[in-house]
Amino acid sequence: MDAMQQIRAAFERRGNEGYGEGVSQLEHAVQCAAFAQRDGASPALIAAAYLHDIGHLLHDLPQDIADSGVDTQHESTGSAWLSQYFGPELTEPVRMHVAAKRYLAATEEGYFDLLSDASKLSLKLQGGPMTPEQAEAFEAEPFFADALRLRRWDEEGKIENYQGPSPAHFEAIAKTCLRA
């Protein structure tokens, strides 16, 4: 099975599951990618927005595992898996999107209050808001700006009954980002 077939299979297997936000994993992925495309992001960043939560689709843990106090570290799992097929312009924003939430919770007034209850719970499990030293180190990361953009689309992509492009549209964009 090639990379795109594996991605499609992961969405077919677990994409219809929710994750505490009122939309399914697949609906969330499509929305995030649609907002990235709307905002003129590069193909790699659009694909990163589509695939940023693939780590949730790769394990066999229950969808409500955070309620049990477990952080699946989906960002690391997803980024590592994607690194087999894609370059850092796609995988690094995926790896950093949880850290971007922690960064924004520490540095942007009012950000924490806008998070959903599920996102607040996962933030706690993921280490909470960054310390000033962690934030400074995060700002120095090469894909810092892309990770923040991805995080914004991640927060926005929770609209029930949203009608956007098909998953195939974003699969085609991701396919153009595959390493040769």
Protein backbone atom coordinates (compact mmCIF):
# COMPACT_ATOMS: atom_id res chain seq x y z
CA MET A 1 0.00 0.00 0.00
CA ASP A 2 1.43 3.39 -0.92
CA ALA A 3 1.34 6.46 1.35
CA MET A 4 -1.89 7.88 0.00
CA GLN A 5 -3.64 4.51 0.24
CA GLN A 6 -2.50 4.23 3.87
CA ILE A 7 -3.76 7.75 4.65
CA ARG A 8 -7.11 7.00 3.03
CA ALA A 9 -7.34 3.70 4.95
CA ALA A 10 -6.62 5.48 8.26
CA PHE A 11 -9.43 7.96 7.60
CA GLU A 12 -11.75 5.13 6.53
CA ARG A 13 -10.96 3.20 9.71
CA ARG A 14 -11.24 6.01 12.29
CA GLY A 15 -12.13 9.23 10.47
CA ASN A 16 -15.80 9.09 11.43
CA GLU A 17 -14.94 9.05 15.14
CA GLY A 18 -15.38 12.22 17.12
CA TYR A 19 -12.89 13.63 19.53
CA GLY A 20 -14.93 15.77 21.87
CA GLU A 21 -15.46 18.69 19.51
CA GLY A 22 -18.82 17.97 17.82
CA VAL A 23 -17.22 17.01 14.48
CA SER A 24 -15.52 13.86 13.28
CA GLN A 25 -11.80 13.49 12.72
CA LEU A 26 -12.39 13.65 8.95
CA GLU A 27 -14.66 16.69 9.16
CA HIS A 28 -12.05 18.44 11.29
CA ALA A 29 -9.26 17.55 8.84
CA VAL A 30 -11.23 18.87 5.84
CA GLN A 31 -12.13 22.09 7.63
CA CYS A 32 -8.56 22.79 8.74
CA ALA A 33 -7.25 22.20 5.22
CA ALA A 34 -10.03 24.29 3.67
CA PHE A 35 -9.18 27.21 5.95
CA ALA A 36 -5.48 26.85 5.13
CA GLN A 37 -6.31 26.94 1.42
CA ARG A 38 -8.64 29.91 1.95
CA ASP A 39 -5.77 31.78 3.61
CA GLY A 40 -3.33 31.13 0.75
CA ALA A 41 -1.13 28.58 2.49
CA SER A 42 1.42 26.57 0.53
CA PRO A 43 0.43 23.08 -0.65
CA ALA A 44 2.62 21.55 2.08
CA LEU A 45 0.91 23.59 4.79
CA ILE A 46 -2.55 22.78 3.38
CA ALA A 47 -1.61 19.09 3.47
CA ALA A 48 -0.24 19.52 7.01
CA ALA A 49 -3.56 21.03 8.05
CA TYR A 50 -5.37 18.06 6.52
CA LEU A 51 -3.05 15.51 8.15
CA HIS A 52 -2.16 17.22 11.45
CA ASP A 53 -4.21 14.81 13.58
CA ILE A 54 -3.37 11.60 11.72
CA GLY A 55 -1.67 10.38 14.88
CA HIS A 56 -5.16 9.96 16.36
CA LEU A 57 -5.99 7.59 13.50
CA LEU A 58 -2.90 5.42 13.81
CA HIS A 59 -3.44 3.94 17.27
CA ASP A 60 -6.11 1.63 18.62
CA LEU A 61 -6.86 3.56 21.82
CA PRO A 62 -10.44 4.63 22.56
CA GLN A 63 -11.48 8.00 21.16
CA ASP A 64 -12.17 9.33 24.68
CA ILE A 65 -8.74 8.34 26.03
CA ALA A 66 -8.02 11.91 27.24
CA ASP A 67 -10.90 11.54 29.70
CA SER A 68 -8.79 8.82 31.33
CA GLY A 69 -5.86 11.22 31.72
CA VAL A 70 -3.81 9.83 28.84
CA ASP A 71 -2.02 11.99 26.28
CA THR A 72 -1.51 9.91 23.13
CA GLN A 73 1.19 12.30 21.86
CA HIS A 74 -0.58 12.19 18.52
CA GLU A 75 1.52 15.04 17.17
CA SER A 76 4.76 13.06 17.55
CA THR A 77 3.23 9.81 16.31
CA GLY A 78 1.70 11.53 13.30
CA SER A 79 4.78 13.54 12.41
CA ALA A 80 7.07 10.52 12.69
CA TRP A 81 4.77 8.42 10.52
CA LEU A 82 4.37 11.19 7.92
CA SER A 83 8.17 11.69 7.83
CA GLN A 84 8.44 8.42 5.91
CA TYR A 85 6.76 10.09 2.95
CA PHE A 86 6.89 13.89 3.33
CA GLY A 87 9.48 16.55 4.04
CA PRO A 88 9.78 18.84 7.06
CA GLU A 89 7.68 21.62 5.51
CA LEU A 90 4.71 19.29 6.14
CA THR A 91 5.85 17.19 9.09
CA GLU A 92 7.29 19.89 11.32
CA PRO A 93 4.07 21.96 11.61
CA VAL A 94 2.29 18.67 12.42
CA ARG A 95 4.86 17.87 15.12
CA MET A 96 4.63 21.41 16.51
CA HIS A 97 0.86 22.04 16.51
CA VAL A 98 0.40 20.94 20.14
CA ALA A 99 3.38 23.04 21.22
CA ALA A 100 1.77 25.96 19.36
CA LYS A 101 -1.32 25.59 21.57
CA ARG A 102 0.86 25.56 24.67
CA TYR A 103 2.71 28.64 23.33
CA LEU A 104 -0.45 30.60 22.57
CA ALA A 105 -1.96 29.69 25.94
CA ALA A 106 1.14 31.20 27.57
CA THR A 107 1.65 34.27 25.40
CA GLU A 108 -1.70 35.44 24.01
CA GLU A 109 -4.13 37.04 26.39
CA GLY A 110 -7.58 35.44 26.17
CA TYR A 111 -6.45 32.46 24.07
CA PHE A 112 -6.97 29.91 26.84
CA ASP A 113 -10.50 31.18 27.47
CA LEU A 114 -11.43 30.54 23.83
CA LEU A 115 -10.43 26.87 23.96
CA SER A 116 -13.13 24.22 24.08
CA ASP A 117 -13.40 22.05 27.18
CA ALA A 118 -11.83 19.13 25.27
CA SER A 119 -8.93 21.34 24.17
CA LYS A 120 -8.42 22.61 27.72
CA LEU A 121 -8.28 19.02 28.98
CA SER A 122 -5.77 18.00 26.33
CA LEU A 123 -3.69 21.14 27.03
CA LYS A 124 -3.39 20.07 30.65
CA LEU A 125 -2.32 16.57 29.61
CA GLN A 126 0.15 18.02 27.10
CA GLY A 127 2.04 20.02 29.71
CA GLY A 128 -0.05 23.16 30.07
CA PRO A 129 1.00 26.64 28.95
CA MET A 130 4.70 27.03 28.17
CA THR A 131 7.11 28.68 30.55
CA PRO A 132 8.79 31.86 29.26
CA GLU A 133 11.93 29.83 28.52
CA GLN A 134 9.98 27.22 26.58
CA ALA A 135 8.20 29.95 24.62
CA GLU A 136 11.49 31.61 23.71
CA ALA A 137 12.93 28.29 22.50
CA PHE A 138 9.75 27.55 20.52
CA GLU A 139 9.97 30.95 18.78
CA ALA A 140 13.42 29.95 17.48
CA GLU A 141 12.11 26.77 15.77
CA PRO A 142 12.37 26.95 11.94
CA PHE A 143 8.66 26.19 11.38
CA PHE A 144 7.36 28.33 14.26
CA ALA A 145 5.17 30.61 12.08
CA ASP A 146 3.67 27.68 10.16
CA ALA A 147 2.91 25.86 13.42
CA LEU A 148 1.02 28.91 14.71
CA ARG A 149 -0.97 29.17 11.48
CA LEU A 150 -1.82 25.47 11.67
CA ARG A 151 -2.91 25.89 15.29
CA ARG A 152 -5.31 28.70 14.33
CA TRP A 153 -6.92 26.52 11.67
CA ASP A 154 -7.04 23.68 14.19
CA GLU A 155 -9.06 25.87 16.56
CA GLU A 156 -11.31 27.11 13.75
CA GLY A 157 -11.97 23.66 12.25
CA LYS A 158 -14.73 22.58 14.61
CA ILE A 159 -17.85 23.79 12.79
CA GLU A 160 -20.76 21.37 12.79
CA ASN A 161 -22.43 20.79 9.39
CA TYR A 162 -19.65 22.62 7.52
CA GLN A 163 -19.74 22.01 3.78
CA GLY A 164 -16.26 22.08 2.27
CA PRO A 165 -14.27 20.38 -0.44
CA SER A 166 -14.11 16.60 -0.50
CA PRO A 167 -11.33 14.68 1.20
CA ALA A 168 -10.16 13.68 -2.30
CA HIS A 169 -9.41 17.35 -2.99
CA PHE A 170 -6.94 17.46 -0.09
CA GLU A 171 -5.55 14.00 -0.82
CA ALA A 172 -4.60 15.31 -4.28
CA ILE A 173 -2.79 18.28 -2.69
CA ALA A 174 -1.00 15.98 -0.22
CA LYS A 175 0.03 13.69 -3.08
CA THR A 176 1.88 16.59 -4.74
CA CYS A 177 3.94 16.96 -1.52
CA LEU A 178 5.22 13.37 -1.42
CA ARG A 179 8.97 13.00 -1.53
CA ALA A 180 10.25 11.49 -4.77
